[in-house]
Amino acid sequence: MAAPVNAAELLQQALSSNIIPNQEFLLQGSILDSAAENLLHRLRGLCDNVDASPETFSDIEMCFSLKLPTEKTPVMTVRVRRAQDVDAPLQLRYIGQPELGDRTRPTLVRSSLDIACTPHVIDFLTEMGFRLDFEYSTKGYMFRKGRMKITVSKIVKNMTDPISQSYLVELSVLAPKGQDAIAEDMRIFAEQLKPLVQLEKIDYKRFAQMP
């Protein structure tokens, strides 16, 4: 008789074998609405499926945090993303703090886990003690270049009305640990988008220290 499968052991084996994409490499920038069309045209030429129109998306993202009665800062924060334009599973996402590591590394690197879920995940998080901090809606375009994902998006209210006159541009890759070479590939790709947009690794600690 076969031994019962232990899910925790299987997960640990997968993590040890570096087959789970649990790291996110990230570069970010912004571009004014007036220059967005030129950037989209450049991306259509550089990315996969050149002849196809860019993929659009419209999502709602909810941020939940878990706090202890004796602590002011959350012990854990997770995000739940729900697509508004297609029938797709909800995405539960954990994002860790950026790694300090090598300052010469061309991209920001942080722990990241994405899991497809049913709509009941919100009830599950609430029962676990998580509370909704905020939510927002985003609309934009998504491109692929190999493993790289490029999004050009903006936050909107009432699902249609933009709240700014600029787009957030993000270049990201989800990969297992030990694949740091992808950061150099991202740097080279980002260079091809200049001078339309300057993609860089953002130091979030600077914002936390601002008065």
N, C-alpha and C. Protein backbone atom coordinates (compact mmCIF):
# COMPACT_ATOMS: atom_id res chain seq x y z
N MET A 1 0.85 -1.20 0.00
CA MET A 1 0.00 0.00 0.00
C MET A 1 0.89 1.25 0.00
N ALA A 2 0.59 2.19 -0.89
CA ALA A 2 1.41 3.39 -1.00
C ALA A 2 1.22 4.29 0.21
N ALA A 3 2.31 4.93 0.60
CA ALA A 3 2.26 5.85 1.74
C ALA A 3 1.44 7.07 1.38
N PRO A 4 0.70 7.64 2.34
CA PRO A 4 -0.10 8.83 2.04
C PRO A 4 0.78 10.02 1.66
N VAL A 5 0.26 10.84 0.76
CA VAL A 5 1.00 12.01 0.29
C VAL A 5 0.90 13.12 1.33
N ASN A 6 2.02 13.67 1.71
CA ASN A 6 2.07 14.77 2.66
C ASN A 6 2.28 16.07 1.88
N ALA A 7 1.26 16.92 1.84
CA ALA A 7 1.33 18.14 1.04
C ALA A 7 2.46 19.06 1.50
N ALA A 8 2.65 19.16 2.80
CA ALA A 8 3.70 20.03 3.32
C ALA A 8 5.08 19.55 2.88
N GLU A 9 5.29 18.24 2.88
CA GLU A 9 6.58 17.70 2.45
C GLU A 9 6.80 17.93 0.96
N LEU A 10 5.75 17.77 0.16
CA LEU A 10 5.86 18.02 -1.27
C LEU A 10 6.21 19.48 -1.56
N LEU A 11 5.57 20.38 -0.81
CA LEU A 11 5.86 21.81 -0.99
C LEU A 11 7.30 22.12 -0.62
N GLN A 12 7.78 21.53 0.47
CA GLN A 12 9.15 21.78 0.90
C GLN A 12 10.14 21.23 -0.12
N GLN A 13 9.84 20.07 -0.70
CA GLN A 13 10.71 19.49 -1.73
C GLN A 13 10.75 20.40 -2.96
N ALA A 14 9.59 20.93 -3.33
CA ALA A 14 9.53 21.82 -4.50
C ALA A 14 10.34 23.09 -4.26
N LEU A 15 10.24 23.64 -3.03
CA LEU A 15 11.01 24.84 -2.72
C LEU A 15 12.50 24.54 -2.72
N SER A 16 12.88 23.39 -2.16
CA SER A 16 14.29 23.03 -2.10
C SER A 16 14.87 22.79 -3.49
N SER A 17 14.03 22.33 -4.41
CA SER A 17 14.48 22.03 -5.77
C SER A 17 14.47 23.26 -6.67
N ASN A 18 14.04 24.40 -6.12
CA ASN A 18 13.99 25.65 -6.88
C ASN A 18 13.18 25.53 -8.16
N ILE A 19 11.97 24.94 -8.04
CA ILE A 19 11.09 24.85 -9.20
C ILE A 19 9.85 25.73 -9.04
N ILE A 20 9.69 26.35 -7.87
CA ILE A 20 8.55 27.23 -7.65
C ILE A 20 8.98 28.68 -7.87
N PRO A 21 8.30 29.43 -8.73
CA PRO A 21 8.67 30.84 -8.94
C PRO A 21 8.28 31.67 -7.72
N ASN A 22 9.20 31.85 -6.80
CA ASN A 22 8.90 32.54 -5.54
C ASN A 22 9.71 33.82 -5.35
N GLN A 23 10.29 34.32 -6.44
CA GLN A 23 10.98 35.61 -6.41
C GLN A 23 10.49 36.47 -7.55
N GLU A 24 10.29 37.76 -7.25
CA GLU A 24 9.90 38.70 -8.30
C GLU A 24 11.04 39.68 -8.54
N PHE A 25 11.42 39.81 -9.80
CA PHE A 25 12.39 40.82 -10.24
C PHE A 25 11.56 41.96 -10.83
N LEU A 26 11.83 43.20 -10.42
CA LEU A 26 10.92 44.30 -10.76
C LEU A 26 11.66 45.59 -11.09
N LEU A 27 11.20 46.24 -12.16
CA LEU A 27 11.60 47.61 -12.51
C LEU A 27 10.32 48.41 -12.75
N GLN A 28 10.33 49.69 -12.34
CA GLN A 28 9.13 50.52 -12.45
C GLN A 28 9.46 51.91 -12.97
N GLY A 29 8.47 52.51 -13.59
CA GLY A 29 8.60 53.88 -14.06
C GLY A 29 7.21 54.43 -14.36
N SER A 30 7.14 55.65 -14.88
CA SER A 30 5.86 56.25 -15.23
C SER A 30 6.00 57.06 -16.50
N ILE A 31 4.86 57.28 -17.13
CA ILE A 31 4.85 58.00 -18.40
C ILE A 31 3.55 58.79 -18.49
N LEU A 32 3.61 60.00 -19.05
CA LEU A 32 2.43 60.83 -19.20
C LEU A 32 1.50 60.26 -20.26
N ASP A 33 0.22 60.57 -20.10
CA ASP A 33 -0.78 60.09 -21.07
C ASP A 33 -0.40 60.48 -22.50
N SER A 34 0.16 61.68 -22.67
CA SER A 34 0.47 62.18 -24.00
C SER A 34 1.53 61.35 -24.71
N ALA A 35 2.36 60.61 -23.95
CA ALA A 35 3.41 59.80 -24.55
C ALA A 35 3.09 58.31 -24.53
N ALA A 36 1.94 57.94 -23.99
CA ALA A 36 1.62 56.53 -23.83
C ALA A 36 1.50 55.79 -25.16
N GLU A 37 0.91 56.43 -26.16
CA GLU A 37 0.72 55.76 -27.44
C GLU A 37 2.06 55.39 -28.08
N ASN A 38 3.05 56.28 -27.95
CA ASN A 38 4.37 55.99 -28.50
C ASN A 38 5.01 54.79 -27.78
N LEU A 39 4.82 54.73 -26.46
CA LEU A 39 5.37 53.59 -25.71
C LEU A 39 4.68 52.29 -26.11
N LEU A 40 3.37 52.33 -26.25
CA LEU A 40 2.64 51.12 -26.65
C LEU A 40 3.10 50.64 -28.03
N HIS A 41 3.34 51.58 -28.92
CA HIS A 41 3.83 51.22 -30.26
C HIS A 41 5.22 50.58 -30.18
N ARG A 42 6.08 51.12 -29.32
CA ARG A 42 7.41 50.54 -29.14
C ARG A 42 7.32 49.12 -28.56
N LEU A 43 6.46 48.94 -27.59
CA LEU A 43 6.31 47.62 -26.96
C LEU A 43 5.74 46.60 -27.94
N ARG A 44 4.82 47.02 -28.78
CA ARG A 44 4.27 46.10 -29.78
C ARG A 44 5.38 45.59 -30.70
N GLY A 45 6.36 46.43 -31.01
CA GLY A 45 7.45 46.02 -31.87
C GLY A 45 8.48 45.15 -31.18
N LEU A 46 8.65 45.33 -29.87
CA LEU A 46 9.69 44.60 -29.15
C LEU A 46 9.21 43.27 -28.56
N CYS A 47 7.93 43.17 -28.26
CA CYS A 47 7.44 42.01 -27.51
C CYS A 47 6.92 40.91 -28.43
N ASP A 48 6.55 39.78 -27.80
CA ASP A 48 6.03 38.64 -28.53
C ASP A 48 4.68 38.99 -29.17
N ASN A 49 4.28 38.19 -30.15
CA ASN A 49 3.01 38.39 -30.86
C ASN A 49 2.89 39.82 -31.40
N VAL A 50 3.88 40.19 -32.22
CA VAL A 50 3.95 41.56 -32.75
C VAL A 50 2.69 41.93 -33.52
N ASP A 51 2.11 40.96 -34.22
CA ASP A 51 0.97 41.27 -35.09
C ASP A 51 -0.35 41.38 -34.32
N ALA A 52 -0.36 40.97 -33.07
CA ALA A 52 -1.60 40.99 -32.28
C ALA A 52 -1.71 42.29 -31.50
N SER A 53 -2.94 42.66 -31.19
CA SER A 53 -3.17 43.84 -30.36
C SER A 53 -2.74 43.53 -28.92
N PRO A 54 -2.31 44.53 -28.16
CA PRO A 54 -1.89 44.27 -26.78
C PRO A 54 -3.06 43.77 -25.95
N GLU A 55 -2.74 42.88 -25.01
CA GLU A 55 -3.76 42.35 -24.11
C GLU A 55 -4.16 43.43 -23.11
N THR A 56 -5.46 43.61 -22.93
CA THR A 56 -5.95 44.60 -21.96
C THR A 56 -6.40 43.89 -20.68
N PHE A 57 -6.43 44.63 -19.59
CA PHE A 57 -6.93 44.06 -18.34
C PHE A 57 -7.63 45.14 -17.52
N SER A 58 -8.54 44.69 -16.68
CA SER A 58 -9.27 45.57 -15.76
C SER A 58 -9.46 44.79 -14.48
N ASP A 59 -8.77 45.19 -13.42
CA ASP A 59 -8.73 44.42 -12.18
C ASP A 59 -9.13 45.27 -10.98
N ILE A 60 -9.62 44.58 -9.96
CA ILE A 60 -9.77 45.17 -8.63
C ILE A 60 -8.78 44.46 -7.72
N GLU A 61 -7.99 45.22 -6.98
CA GLU A 61 -7.00 44.63 -6.07
C GLU A 61 -7.32 45.06 -4.64
N MET A 62 -7.41 44.08 -3.75
CA MET A 62 -7.73 44.31 -2.34
C MET A 62 -6.52 43.94 -1.49
N CYS A 63 -6.20 44.79 -0.54
CA CYS A 63 -5.06 44.55 0.34
C CYS A 63 -5.58 44.22 1.75
N PHE A 64 -5.19 43.04 2.24
CA PHE A 64 -5.59 42.58 3.57
C PHE A 64 -4.37 42.50 4.47
N SER A 65 -4.54 42.81 5.74
CA SER A 65 -3.43 42.71 6.69
C SER A 65 -3.88 41.95 7.93
N LEU A 66 -2.91 41.30 8.56
CA LEU A 66 -3.14 40.57 9.80
C LEU A 66 -2.33 41.24 10.89
N LYS A 67 -3.02 41.73 11.93
CA LYS A 67 -2.35 42.43 13.02
C LYS A 67 -2.59 41.72 14.33
N LEU A 68 -1.60 41.79 15.21
CA LEU A 68 -1.73 41.29 16.57
C LEU A 68 -2.17 42.44 17.48
N PRO A 69 -2.96 42.14 18.51
CA PRO A 69 -3.43 43.22 19.40
C PRO A 69 -2.30 44.04 20.01
N THR A 70 -1.14 43.42 20.20
CA THR A 70 -0.02 44.11 20.85
C THR A 70 0.93 44.79 19.86
N GLU A 71 0.67 44.66 18.57
CA GLU A 71 1.56 45.21 17.55
C GLU A 71 0.85 46.27 16.72
N LYS A 72 1.59 47.34 16.37
CA LYS A 72 1.03 48.39 15.54
C LYS A 72 1.15 48.06 14.05
N THR A 73 2.24 47.41 13.69
CA THR A 73 2.45 47.08 12.29
C THR A 73 1.93 45.67 12.00
N PRO A 74 1.43 45.42 10.80
CA PRO A 74 0.90 44.09 10.46
C PRO A 74 2.00 43.03 10.49
N VAL A 75 1.62 41.83 10.90
CA VAL A 75 2.57 40.71 10.86
C VAL A 75 2.59 40.08 9.47
N MET A 76 1.53 40.32 8.69
CA MET A 76 1.49 39.80 7.32
C MET A 76 0.50 40.62 6.50
N THR A 77 0.86 40.84 5.24
CA THR A 77 -0.02 41.52 4.30
C THR A 77 -0.14 40.69 3.03
N VAL A 78 -1.35 40.50 2.55
CA VAL A 78 -1.58 39.77 1.31
C VAL A 78 -2.53 40.57 0.43
N ARG A 79 -2.51 40.26 -0.85
CA ARG A 79 -3.38 40.95 -1.81
C ARG A 79 -4.24 39.93 -2.56
N VAL A 80 -5.44 40.35 -2.87
CA VAL A 80 -6.36 39.53 -3.66
C VAL A 80 -6.74 40.34 -4.90
N ARG A 81 -6.51 39.76 -6.06
CA ARG A 81 -6.81 40.45 -7.32
C ARG A 81 -7.96 39.74 -8.03
N ARG A 82 -8.93 40.53 -8.47
CA ARG A 82 -10.09 39.96 -9.17
C ARG A 82 -10.24 40.65 -10.52
N ALA A 83 -10.26 39.85 -11.58
CA ALA A 83 -10.43 40.40 -12.93
C ALA A 83 -11.87 40.83 -13.14
N GLN A 84 -12.04 42.00 -13.79
CA GLN A 84 -13.37 42.52 -14.07
C GLN A 84 -13.81 42.28 -15.51
N ASP A 85 -12.85 41.99 -16.39
CA ASP A 85 -13.19 41.89 -17.81
C ASP A 85 -13.20 40.46 -18.33
N VAL A 86 -12.70 39.50 -17.55
CA VAL A 86 -12.69 38.10 -17.99
C VAL A 86 -13.08 37.22 -16.81
N ASP A 87 -13.56 36.02 -17.13
CA ASP A 87 -13.90 35.05 -16.10
C ASP A 87 -12.64 34.27 -15.73
N ALA A 88 -12.03 34.61 -14.61
CA ALA A 88 -10.76 34.00 -14.21
C ALA A 88 -10.75 33.82 -12.70
N PRO A 89 -9.95 32.86 -12.20
CA PRO A 89 -9.85 32.68 -10.75
C PRO A 89 -9.27 33.93 -10.09
N LEU A 90 -9.64 34.14 -8.84
CA LEU A 90 -9.02 35.22 -8.08
C LEU A 90 -7.56 34.86 -7.82
N GLN A 91 -6.71 35.86 -7.69
CA GLN A 91 -5.29 35.65 -7.43
C GLN A 91 -4.94 36.14 -6.03
N LEU A 92 -4.47 35.22 -5.19
CA LEU A 92 -3.98 35.57 -3.86
C LEU A 92 -2.48 35.75 -3.97
N ARG A 93 -1.98 36.88 -3.47
CA ARG A 93 -0.56 37.18 -3.64
C ARG A 93 0.08 37.65 -2.35
N TYR A 94 1.21 37.04 -2.04
CA TYR A 94 2.05 37.50 -0.94
C TYR A 94 3.29 38.17 -1.52
N ILE A 95 3.62 39.36 -1.04
CA ILE A 95 4.81 40.08 -1.49
C ILE A 95 5.67 40.39 -0.27
N GLY A 96 6.91 39.95 -0.28
CA GLY A 96 7.82 40.19 0.83
C GLY A 96 8.55 41.51 0.69
N GLN A 97 9.41 41.79 1.65
CA GLN A 97 10.23 43.00 1.62
C GLN A 97 11.33 42.85 0.57
N PRO A 98 11.71 43.93 -0.09
CA PRO A 98 12.82 43.85 -1.07
C PRO A 98 14.10 43.37 -0.40
N GLU A 99 14.84 42.53 -1.12
CA GLU A 99 16.12 42.05 -0.61
C GLU A 99 17.15 43.17 -0.65
N LEU A 100 18.00 43.21 0.38
CA LEU A 100 19.07 44.20 0.40
C LEU A 100 20.14 43.82 -0.61
N GLY A 101 20.77 42.69 -0.41
CA GLY A 101 21.67 42.09 -1.39
C GLY A 101 22.69 43.05 -1.98
N ASP A 102 23.02 42.78 -3.24
CA ASP A 102 24.01 43.54 -3.98
C ASP A 102 23.40 44.84 -4.51
N ARG A 103 23.96 45.98 -4.12
CA ARG A 103 23.43 47.27 -4.56
C ARG A 103 23.61 47.50 -6.06
N THR A 104 24.53 46.75 -6.67
CA THR A 104 24.74 46.90 -8.11
C THR A 104 23.76 46.07 -8.93
N ARG A 105 22.96 45.26 -8.27
CA ARG A 105 21.96 44.46 -8.99
C ARG A 105 21.01 45.40 -9.73
N PRO A 106 20.75 45.15 -11.01
CA PRO A 106 19.98 46.13 -11.81
C PRO A 106 18.49 46.18 -11.51
N THR A 107 17.95 45.22 -10.77
CA THR A 107 16.52 45.23 -10.49
C THR A 107 16.26 45.07 -8.99
N LEU A 108 15.08 45.46 -8.57
CA LEU A 108 14.61 45.14 -7.23
C LEU A 108 14.24 43.66 -7.21
N VAL A 109 14.52 42.98 -6.11
CA VAL A 109 14.17 41.57 -5.95
C VAL A 109 13.43 41.39 -4.63
N ARG A 110 12.30 40.71 -4.67
CA ARG A 110 11.53 40.48 -3.45
C ARG A 110 10.83 39.13 -3.53
N SER A 111 10.54 38.55 -2.37
CA SER A 111 9.80 37.29 -2.33
C SER A 111 8.38 37.52 -2.83
N SER A 112 7.86 36.56 -3.56
CA SER A 112 6.51 36.71 -4.10
C SER A 112 5.91 35.34 -4.39
N LEU A 113 4.68 35.14 -3.95
CA LEU A 113 3.96 33.90 -4.22
C LEU A 113 2.58 34.25 -4.75
N ASP A 114 2.20 33.67 -5.89
CA ASP A 114 0.89 33.88 -6.49
C ASP A 114 0.13 32.56 -6.52
N ILE A 115 -1.12 32.58 -6.07
CA ILE A 115 -1.93 31.36 -6.00
C ILE A 115 -3.31 31.66 -6.57
N ALA A 116 -3.78 30.84 -7.49
CA ALA A 116 -5.14 30.97 -8.02
C ALA A 116 -6.13 30.42 -6.99
N CYS A 117 -7.22 31.16 -6.75
CA CYS A 117 -8.16 30.80 -5.69
C CYS A 117 -9.61 30.94 -6.17
N THR A 118 -10.51 30.37 -5.38
CA THR A 118 -11.94 30.56 -5.60
C THR A 118 -12.37 31.86 -4.91
N PRO A 119 -13.58 32.34 -5.20
CA PRO A 119 -14.07 33.56 -4.53
C PRO A 119 -14.16 33.44 -3.01
N HIS A 120 -14.15 32.20 -2.49
CA HIS A 120 -14.26 32.02 -1.04
C HIS A 120 -12.99 32.44 -0.30
N VAL A 121 -11.92 32.79 -1.03
CA VAL A 121 -10.67 33.15 -0.37
C VAL A 121 -10.85 34.39 0.52
N ILE A 122 -11.75 35.29 0.15
CA ILE A 122 -11.97 36.49 0.96
C ILE A 122 -12.59 36.12 2.31
N ASP A 123 -13.58 35.20 2.28
CA ASP A 123 -14.17 34.72 3.53
C ASP A 123 -13.13 33.99 4.37
N PHE A 124 -12.27 33.22 3.71
CA PHE A 124 -11.22 32.48 4.42
C PHE A 124 -10.27 33.44 5.12
N LEU A 125 -9.83 34.48 4.43
CA LEU A 125 -8.92 35.44 5.04
C LEU A 125 -9.57 36.15 6.22
N THR A 126 -10.86 36.49 6.08
CA THR A 126 -11.57 37.16 7.17
C THR A 126 -11.65 36.27 8.40
N GLU A 127 -11.93 34.98 8.19
CA GLU A 127 -12.00 34.05 9.32
C GLU A 127 -10.63 33.84 9.96
N MET A 128 -9.57 34.01 9.18
CA MET A 128 -8.21 33.89 9.71
C MET A 128 -7.80 35.12 10.53
N GLY A 129 -8.59 36.18 10.46
CA GLY A 129 -8.27 37.39 11.20
C GLY A 129 -7.76 38.53 10.36
N PHE A 130 -7.66 38.34 9.04
CA PHE A 130 -7.22 39.42 8.15
C PHE A 130 -8.34 40.46 8.01
N ARG A 131 -7.93 41.71 7.83
CA ARG A 131 -8.88 42.80 7.64
C ARG A 131 -8.52 43.57 6.37
N LEU A 132 -9.55 44.03 5.67
CA LEU A 132 -9.33 44.79 4.44
C LEU A 132 -8.81 46.18 4.78
N ASP A 133 -7.63 46.53 4.26
CA ASP A 133 -7.06 47.86 4.46
C ASP A 133 -7.54 48.84 3.40
N PHE A 134 -7.47 48.43 2.15
CA PHE A 134 -7.90 49.30 1.05
C PHE A 134 -8.06 48.46 -0.21
N GLU A 135 -8.69 49.02 -1.19
CA GLU A 135 -8.81 48.38 -2.50
C GLU A 135 -8.80 49.46 -3.58
N TYR A 136 -8.40 49.05 -4.78
CA TYR A 136 -8.36 49.99 -5.89
C TYR A 136 -8.55 49.24 -7.21
N SER A 137 -8.93 49.98 -8.23
CA SER A 137 -9.16 49.40 -9.56
C SER A 137 -8.07 49.87 -10.52
N THR A 138 -7.61 48.97 -11.36
CA THR A 138 -6.61 49.32 -12.36
C THR A 138 -7.08 48.86 -13.75
N LYS A 139 -6.69 49.63 -14.76
CA LYS A 139 -6.95 49.27 -16.16
C LYS A 139 -5.67 49.53 -16.94
N GLY A 140 -5.43 48.68 -17.93
CA GLY A 140 -4.23 48.92 -18.72
C GLY A 140 -3.96 47.85 -19.76
N TYR A 141 -2.69 47.76 -20.14
CA TYR A 141 -2.24 46.86 -21.20
C TYR A 141 -1.12 45.97 -20.67
N MET A 142 -1.07 44.75 -21.20
CA MET A 142 -0.03 43.82 -20.78
C MET A 142 0.66 43.23 -22.00
N PHE A 143 1.99 43.15 -21.94
CA PHE A 143 2.81 42.58 -23.01
C PHE A 143 3.69 41.48 -22.43
N ARG A 144 4.14 40.57 -23.29
CA ARG A 144 5.06 39.50 -22.89
C ARG A 144 6.28 39.51 -23.79
N LYS A 145 7.43 39.30 -23.17
CA LYS A 145 8.68 39.11 -23.90
C LYS A 145 9.41 37.96 -23.22
N GLY A 146 9.19 36.73 -23.74
CA GLY A 146 9.72 35.57 -23.05
C GLY A 146 9.09 35.45 -21.68
N ARG A 147 9.93 35.38 -20.64
CA ARG A 147 9.41 35.31 -19.27
C ARG A 147 9.04 36.67 -18.71
N MET A 148 9.44 37.73 -19.38
CA MET A 148 9.18 39.08 -18.87
C MET A 148 7.74 39.50 -19.14
N LYS A 149 7.15 40.17 -18.14
CA LYS A 149 5.81 40.75 -18.29
C LYS A 149 5.92 42.26 -18.15
N ILE A 150 5.30 42.98 -19.08
CA ILE A 150 5.32 44.44 -19.05
C ILE A 150 3.88 44.92 -18.99
N THR A 151 3.57 45.73 -17.99
CA THR A 151 2.24 46.31 -17.87
C THR A 151 2.32 47.83 -17.93
N VAL A 152 1.32 48.40 -18.59
CA VAL A 152 1.17 49.86 -18.67
C VAL A 152 -0.24 50.13 -18.16
N SER A 153 -0.36 50.68 -16.96
CA SER A 153 -1.68 50.75 -16.32
C SER A 153 -1.84 52.03 -15.52
N LYS A 154 -3.08 52.27 -15.11
CA LYS A 154 -3.37 53.40 -14.24
C LYS A 154 -4.53 53.05 -13.31
N ILE A 155 -4.55 53.69 -12.15
CA ILE A 155 -5.63 53.51 -11.20
C ILE A 155 -6.83 54.33 -11.66
N VAL A 156 -8.02 53.74 -11.56
CA VAL A 156 -9.24 54.42 -11.99
C VAL A 156 -10.28 54.34 -10.88
N LYS A 157 -11.23 55.25 -10.93
CA LYS A 157 -12.37 55.19 -10.01
C LYS A 157 -13.63 54.93 -10.83
N ASN A 158 -14.60 54.29 -10.21
CA ASN A 158 -15.84 53.91 -10.89
C ASN A 158 -15.55 53.06 -12.11
N MET A 159 -14.39 52.35 -12.09
CA MET A 159 -13.99 51.40 -13.13
C MET A 159 -13.63 52.05 -14.46
N THR A 160 -13.82 53.38 -14.60
CA THR A 160 -13.54 54.00 -15.89
C THR A 160 -12.77 55.31 -15.78
N ASP A 161 -13.00 56.07 -14.73
CA ASP A 161 -12.45 57.43 -14.66
C ASP A 161 -11.04 57.42 -14.07
N PRO A 162 -10.02 57.83 -14.84
CA PRO A 162 -8.65 57.86 -14.32
C PRO A 162 -8.49 58.93 -13.25
N ILE A 163 -7.59 58.68 -12.29
CA ILE A 163 -7.37 59.66 -11.23
C ILE A 163 -6.08 60.44 -11.44
N SER A 164 -5.36 60.16 -12.53
CA SER A 164 -4.13 60.89 -12.83
C SER A 164 -3.96 60.98 -14.34
N GLN A 165 -2.97 61.74 -14.75
CA GLN A 165 -2.68 61.91 -16.18
C GLN A 165 -1.38 61.20 -16.55
N SER A 166 -1.14 60.08 -15.89
CA SER A 166 0.06 59.30 -16.19
C SER A 166 -0.23 57.82 -16.02
N TYR A 167 0.65 57.00 -16.60
CA TYR A 167 0.56 55.54 -16.50
C TYR A 167 1.74 55.02 -15.68
N LEU A 168 1.48 53.97 -14.91
CA LEU A 168 2.54 53.22 -14.24
C LEU A 168 3.03 52.15 -15.19
N VAL A 169 4.33 52.06 -15.39
CA VAL A 169 4.93 51.05 -16.26
C VAL A 169 5.76 50.11 -15.39
N GLU A 170 5.49 48.81 -15.49
CA GLU A 170 6.20 47.82 -14.68
C GLU A 170 6.74 46.71 -15.57
N LEU A 171 7.99 46.36 -15.33
CA LEU A 171 8.64 45.23 -16.00
C LEU A 171 8.99 44.23 -14.92
N SER A 172 8.46 43.01 -15.02
CA SER A 172 8.64 42.05 -13.94
C SER A 172 8.82 40.64 -14.47
N VAL A 173 9.45 39.81 -13.63
CA VAL A 173 9.62 38.38 -13.91
C VAL A 173 9.45 37.63 -12.59
N LEU A 174 8.66 36.57 -12.61
CA LEU A 174 8.58 35.65 -11.47
C LEU A 174 9.46 34.45 -11.79
N ALA A 175 10.37 34.14 -10.90
CA ALA A 175 11.33 33.06 -11.15
C ALA A 175 11.72 32.39 -9.84
N PRO A 176 12.18 31.13 -9.91
CA PRO A 176 12.71 30.47 -8.70
C PRO A 176 13.99 31.14 -8.24
N LYS A 177 14.37 30.88 -7.01
CA LYS A 177 15.63 31.41 -6.48
C LYS A 177 16.80 30.89 -7.31
N GLY A 178 17.85 31.71 -7.39
CA GLY A 178 19.05 31.29 -8.08
C GLY A 178 19.10 31.66 -9.54
N GLN A 179 18.11 32.40 -10.03
CA GLN A 179 18.09 32.78 -11.44
C GLN A 179 18.32 34.29 -11.60
N ASP A 180 19.34 34.79 -10.94
CA ASP A 180 19.62 36.22 -10.93
C ASP A 180 20.01 36.77 -12.29
N ALA A 181 20.38 35.90 -13.23
CA ALA A 181 20.78 36.38 -14.55
C ALA A 181 19.64 37.08 -15.27
N ILE A 182 18.40 36.78 -14.88
CA ILE A 182 17.25 37.42 -15.54
C ILE A 182 17.27 38.92 -15.31
N ALA A 183 17.88 39.38 -14.21
CA ALA A 183 17.93 40.81 -13.93
C ALA A 183 18.69 41.57 -15.03
N GLU A 184 19.75 40.97 -15.54
CA GLU A 184 20.52 41.61 -16.60
C GLU A 184 19.70 41.67 -17.90
N ASP A 185 18.94 40.61 -18.19
CA ASP A 185 18.08 40.61 -19.36
C ASP A 185 17.05 41.73 -19.26
N MET A 186 16.52 41.95 -18.06
CA MET A 186 15.54 43.02 -17.86
C MET A 186 16.18 44.39 -18.05
N ARG A 187 17.41 44.54 -17.58
CA ARG A 187 18.10 45.83 -17.75
C ARG A 187 18.28 46.14 -19.22
N ILE A 188 18.67 45.13 -20.00
CA ILE A 188 18.89 45.33 -21.44
C ILE A 188 17.57 45.70 -22.12
N PHE A 189 16.49 45.03 -21.74
CA PHE A 189 15.19 45.34 -22.34
C PHE A 189 14.75 46.75 -21.96
N ALA A 190 14.96 47.14 -20.69
CA ALA A 190 14.57 48.47 -20.24
C ALA A 190 15.32 49.56 -21.02
N GLU A 191 16.58 49.28 -21.38
CA GLU A 191 17.36 50.25 -22.15
C GLU A 191 16.71 50.54 -23.49
N GLN A 192 16.02 49.54 -24.06
CA GLN A 192 15.39 49.72 -25.36
C GLN A 192 14.14 50.59 -25.29
N LEU A 193 13.65 50.86 -24.09
CA LEU A 193 12.47 51.70 -23.93
C LEU A 193 12.81 53.16 -23.68
N LYS A 194 14.10 53.45 -23.51
CA LYS A 194 14.53 54.84 -23.34
C LYS A 194 14.54 55.54 -24.70
N PRO A 195 14.27 56.83 -24.77
CA PRO A 195 13.98 57.75 -23.67
C PRO A 195 12.50 57.87 -23.35
N LEU A 196 11.67 56.96 -23.91
CA LEU A 196 10.22 57.06 -23.67
C LEU A 196 9.88 56.90 -22.20
N VAL A 197 10.54 55.95 -21.53
CA VAL A 197 10.28 55.73 -20.11
C VAL A 197 11.57 55.26 -19.45
N GLN A 198 11.81 55.72 -18.24
CA GLN A 198 12.99 55.34 -17.46
C GLN A 198 12.53 54.34 -16.41
N LEU A 199 12.88 53.07 -16.60
CA LEU A 199 12.53 52.03 -15.65
C LEU A 199 13.68 51.84 -14.67
N GLU A 200 13.38 51.81 -13.39
CA GLU A 200 14.42 51.70 -12.38
C GLU A 200 13.89 50.94 -11.17
N LYS A 201 14.80 50.52 -10.29
CA LYS A 201 14.37 49.87 -9.06
C LYS A 201 14.09 50.95 -8.03
N ILE A 202 12.89 50.87 -7.45
CA ILE A 202 12.42 51.90 -6.54
C ILE A 202 12.79 51.53 -5.10
N ASP A 203 13.35 52.47 -4.38
CA ASP A 203 13.67 52.27 -2.96
C ASP A 203 12.46 52.73 -2.14
N TYR A 204 11.63 51.75 -1.73
CA TYR A 204 10.41 52.10 -1.01
C TYR A 204 10.70 52.67 0.37
N LYS A 205 11.88 52.39 0.92
CA LYS A 205 12.20 52.93 2.24
C LYS A 205 12.29 54.45 2.22
N ARG A 206 12.61 55.02 1.07
CA ARG A 206 12.67 56.47 0.97
C ARG A 206 11.31 57.09 1.22
N PHE A 207 10.25 56.44 0.73
CA PHE A 207 8.89 56.96 0.91
C PHE A 207 8.46 56.84 2.38
N ALA A 208 8.89 55.73 3.03
CA ALA A 208 8.52 55.54 4.43
C ALA A 208 9.19 56.57 5.33
N GLN A 209 10.35 57.08 4.91
CA GLN A 209 11.09 58.05 5.71
C GLN A 209 10.68 59.49 5.44
N MET A 210 9.87 59.71 4.42
CA MET A 210 9.45 61.07 4.10
C MET A 210 8.52 61.61 5.17
N PRO A 211 8.63 62.91 5.54
CA PRO A 211 7.77 63.46 6.58
C PRO A 211 6.32 63.56 6.11
